[in-house]
Protein backbone atom coordinates (compact mmCIF):
# COMPACT_ATOMS: atom_id res chain seq x y z
CA MET A 1 10.77 31.31 27.73
CA ARG A 2 13.09 29.69 30.24
CA PRO A 3 12.23 26.21 31.42
CA PRO A 4 10.47 26.22 34.80
CA ALA A 5 12.59 25.56 37.90
CA GLY A 6 13.13 21.86 38.37
CA CYS A 7 12.18 21.08 34.77
CA ARG A 8 14.82 19.11 32.87
CA THR A 9 15.50 20.13 29.32
CA ARG A 10 16.83 17.81 26.70
CA PRO A 11 20.50 18.49 26.00
CA ARG A 12 21.17 19.98 22.61
CA ALA A 13 22.63 17.52 20.13
CA PRO A 14 24.58 19.63 17.63
CA ALA A 15 24.73 18.46 14.05
CA HIS A 16 28.53 18.92 13.90
CA ASP A 17 31.45 18.95 16.28
CA PRO A 18 34.03 21.80 16.22
CA GLU A 19 36.00 20.02 13.47
CA GLY A 20 32.91 19.83 11.28
CA ASP A 21 32.36 16.08 11.65
CA THR A 22 28.76 14.92 11.87
CA ILE A 23 28.04 13.64 15.39
CA ALA A 24 24.25 13.60 15.77
CA ALA A 25 21.12 14.17 13.77
CA PRO A 26 19.49 17.56 14.27
CA ARG A 27 16.33 18.26 16.24
CA ILE A 28 13.71 20.20 14.25
CA LEU A 29 10.55 21.98 15.47
CA ILE A 30 7.94 22.70 12.77
CA VAL A 31 5.16 25.13 13.70
CA GLU A 32 2.73 24.93 10.77
CA ASP A 33 -1.06 24.58 10.81
CA HIS A 34 -1.41 22.89 7.41
CA VAL A 35 -0.86 19.21 8.20
CA PHE A 36 -0.07 18.23 4.61
CA PHE A 37 2.63 20.90 4.36
CA SER A 38 4.21 20.12 7.76
CA GLU A 39 4.26 16.39 6.95
CA ALA A 40 5.82 17.09 3.53
CA LEU A 41 8.51 19.19 5.21
CA ARG A 42 9.15 16.48 7.78
CA MET A 43 9.40 13.76 5.16
CA LEU A 44 11.52 15.63 2.58
CA LEU A 45 13.77 17.44 5.05
CA GLY A 46 14.15 14.20 7.01
CA ARG A 47 15.23 12.39 3.86
CA ARG A 48 17.75 15.12 2.99
CA LEU A 49 19.21 15.18 6.50
CA SER A 50 19.38 11.39 6.80
CA GLU A 51 21.81 11.44 3.89
CA GLU A 52 24.17 13.53 6.08
CA HIS A 53 23.73 11.69 9.39
CA ASP A 54 23.84 8.12 10.59
CA GLU A 55 20.40 8.48 12.15
CA GLN A 56 17.09 10.14 11.37
CA ALA A 57 16.50 13.76 12.38
CA GLU A 58 14.09 14.21 15.27
CA PHE A 59 10.98 16.24 14.42
CA ARG A 60 8.35 17.80 16.67
CA LEU A 61 5.24 19.27 15.04
CA ALA A 62 2.92 21.99 16.32
CA ALA A 63 -0.09 23.61 14.62
CA THR A 64 -0.56 26.69 16.82
CA VAL A 65 1.44 29.45 18.47
CA ALA A 66 0.53 28.03 21.89
CA ASP A 67 1.67 24.50 21.04
CA GLY A 68 4.85 25.74 19.35
CA LEU A 69 5.80 27.79 22.41
CA ARG A 70 4.94 24.94 24.79
CA ILE A 71 7.03 22.41 22.88
CA ALA A 72 9.94 24.86 22.56
CA GLU A 73 9.83 25.55 26.29
CA GLU A 74 9.44 21.94 27.43
CA GLU A 75 11.76 20.26 24.92
CA GLY A 76 14.11 22.97 23.67
CA PRO A 77 16.54 23.88 22.52
CA PHE A 78 16.11 22.65 18.96
CA ASP A 79 18.72 22.94 16.23
CA VAL A 80 16.17 24.45 13.83
CA ALA A 81 12.65 25.84 14.19
CA VAL A 82 10.49 26.30 11.10
CA VAL A 83 7.64 28.71 11.80
CA ASP A 84 4.61 29.76 9.75
CA LEU A 85 3.53 33.34 10.41
CA MET A 86 -0.21 32.83 9.93
CA LEU A 87 -1.39 30.43 12.62
CA PRO A 88 -4.95 29.88 13.93
CA ASP A 89 -4.27 31.42 17.34
CA GLY A 90 -1.93 34.26 16.40
CA ASP A 91 1.15 35.56 14.67
CA GLY A 92 4.12 33.20 14.33
CA THR A 93 6.46 36.19 14.74
CA GLU A 94 5.91 35.82 18.49
CA VAL A 95 7.17 32.23 18.29
CA VAL A 96 10.29 33.45 16.45
CA ARG A 97 10.93 36.19 19.00
CA ARG A 98 10.50 33.95 22.04
CA ILE A 99 12.54 31.03 20.69
CA LYS A 100 15.43 33.35 19.78
CA ALA A 101 15.25 35.05 23.20
CA ALA A 102 15.34 31.73 25.09
CA TYR A 103 17.63 29.80 22.74
CA PRO A 104 19.72 32.16 20.59
CA GLN A 105 21.64 29.21 19.09
CA THR A 106 18.46 27.78 17.53
CA ARG A 107 18.32 28.60 13.82
CA VAL A 108 14.84 29.86 12.92
CA ALA A 109 13.32 29.82 9.45
CA VAL A 110 10.01 31.47 8.67
CA LEU A 111 7.83 29.92 5.97
CA SER A 112 4.76 31.90 5.05
CA SER A 113 2.47 33.10 2.31
CA VAL A 114 2.76 36.61 3.81
CA ARG A 115 4.41 38.82 1.20
CA ASN A 116 6.44 41.02 3.55
CA LEU A 117 8.68 38.87 5.72
CA SER A 118 10.88 41.70 7.01
CA GLU A 119 9.16 41.74 10.43
CA ALA A 120 10.06 38.06 10.91
CA LEU A 121 13.70 38.83 10.13
CA ALA A 122 13.61 41.76 12.55
CA ALA A 123 12.24 39.37 15.22
CA GLY A 124 15.34 37.22 14.80
CA ALA A 125 14.59 34.73 12.00
CA ASP A 126 17.71 33.44 10.27
CA GLU A 127 15.82 32.73 7.05
CA ALA A 128 12.51 33.89 5.59
CA LEU A 129 10.96 31.87 2.78
CA GLY A 130 7.78 32.52 0.87
CA LYS A 131 5.56 29.49 0.32
CA ASP A 132 5.59 30.40 -3.37
CA VAL A 133 9.25 29.28 -3.53
CA PRO A 134 9.68 25.79 -5.03
CA LEU A 135 9.66 23.07 -2.37
CA SER A 136 13.10 21.85 -3.46
CA VAL A 137 14.53 25.33 -2.69
CA ILE A 138 12.79 25.37 0.70
CA ILE A 139 14.19 21.94 1.62
CA GLU A 140 17.69 22.96 0.51
CA ALA A 141 17.55 26.17 2.60
CA LEU A 142 16.24 24.33 5.68
CA GLY A 143 18.81 21.58 5.24
CA SER A 144 21.57 24.17 5.13
CA LEU A 145 20.30 25.74 8.36
CA ALA A 146 20.16 22.35 10.05
CA SER A 147 23.71 21.59 8.90
CA ASP A 148 25.06 24.93 10.16
CA GLU A 149 25.66 26.07 6.59
CA GLY A 150 23.04 28.80 6.85
CA ARG A 151 23.62 32.18 5.32
CA PRO A 152 23.10 35.50 7.05
CA ALA A 153 19.40 36.38 7.38
CA THR A 154 17.81 36.35 3.95
CA THR A 155 14.44 36.43 2.29
CA LEU A 156 13.46 34.18 -0.61
CA GLY A 157 10.24 34.61 -2.52
CA GLU A 158 9.42 38.17 -1.55
């Protein structure tokens, strides 16, 4: 998923400089077909991240595999991508695989009601969270990924 020739990509704005000082708010891609859930993530994660940065995090929302891949290709890289596995037009694992192939520095978290999230981790996800996990735990895990405090690939809620 490389940007087409002649297409400008937005430069990555890392959340921290090499000394660990905050220098820019993170860019987050959310690929989730349930509007209420994606808006809740945007609002709560945005609030958490705004406490760490002088500006609001930038969010892009997609509801399908096709839109998620298009936004990632046209506007990537993102600091974090949050991907649901069960999307109307396919399996979100493909989004994980293609984002990690094109932008290995992007931290990817999978959020899904699917019970076995091991395939998402094998595809390159840095975090796999069940939707049965309390929302406060999900926001904390995503905030840690966005702040480069993420742990090695883990699964919560399985």
